[in-house]
Amino acid sequence: MQAAEAEAIGRSLGRPVAAARPLAGGFSHETCLLTLAGGDRVVVRLGGTDPAVEAAVMARGRAQVPVPAVLRVLPGSDGVRPAMVLEYVAGVPLSDVLAGGGDGMAEIGAEVGRVIAGVGAVELGRPGFFGDRDLGVPEIPPWSAQLAEMAANCMDAVPGERLDPAERRAWAGLCAAHAPALAAVDDQARLVHADVNPKNILVTRAGAGWRVAAVLDWEFSFSGCPYGDAANMTRFGDDYPDGFTAGFRAGFAGRQPAGLPLPRDWAYLGNVLDMFALSDLVTRPPGHSVADQAAGRIREWIAAGGPA
């Protein structure tokens, strides 16, 4: 964070910033914990194109999901990046809890699954990507018509050391083969977080167990089918402690919005939706650890003939 940015945030809050330290943030943002004069703490996310859109998404989701309150949105100017100032929420990243393992993993998985299902309880007008602060959604082709072309384009941009030419061709073909299945969910217009992973979930102790304190980083959210969020969380489920993934799926399936019955193949449809994200992830530069994990997942699905 630059000194000018800290000064601008302090002015907007009416109290100067006494200290700042970086936090883990989203793909396109810098996130910092600020201590204000007097000792109160806030979190600021710097960067991106229009934090007001993300702030509007968070406000819409807050009735269903624990989300930090947005205190200020600063548009940015004269070298000062756009910023969103959030309330500080105490908690532990779910990633830290999973790294520690131990008992109760199925229970915390179920709690997280219920909360993430709540994201999809938010109804929107039509599927697509938010185009403005009113969460307007420009009309787009259906997902089933987008996947094959998007995957093929991404494969042209994948570093050669991550996937070889045969793997890239096989993946593009696999996406084309499974894309028609998305016709079953093309019309769904529910809130999708689109970056559900253990680093973006804060948890806190609740008696002998855990509860979700906040769902963070809504920068990639859009209107669509919520099964993709479940697939996002379970994408690397083999790396989680025993019981967590099964608990998550049970919790997610057990809390579905009224009027949106869960089809038997919901997990498969979520995995097909996740083919969009996997295709994009592997285009990251060499040395990107999550992109390398995504390449491993792609190889598994190629070997298996597709997602299940």
Foldseek 3Di string as FASTA:
>chain_A
DDPVQQQVVCVVVVFGFPDKDWDDDDPFWTKIWTATVVGAIKIKTFGDQFVLQVLLLQVLLVVQAQAWHWDDWACDDDPGTTMTITHDFDFDQLVVVQVVDDPDLLVVLLQVLQRLLSQQLRFDDWFAFQDDSVRDHDDDPFQLVPQLVLLLVLLVLFPCVQPPPVLSVLLSVLLNVCSVVCVVWRGAFGKEQQQDERRQWGWDDDVPHIHTNHGDDSPRITTTDSLLNLCNHCVVVVSGHPNNNVSSVVSNQVHHHPPDHQDPCSNQSNQSVCSSVLSNLSSDDPPDVVNSVSSVSSVVQSVVSHGD
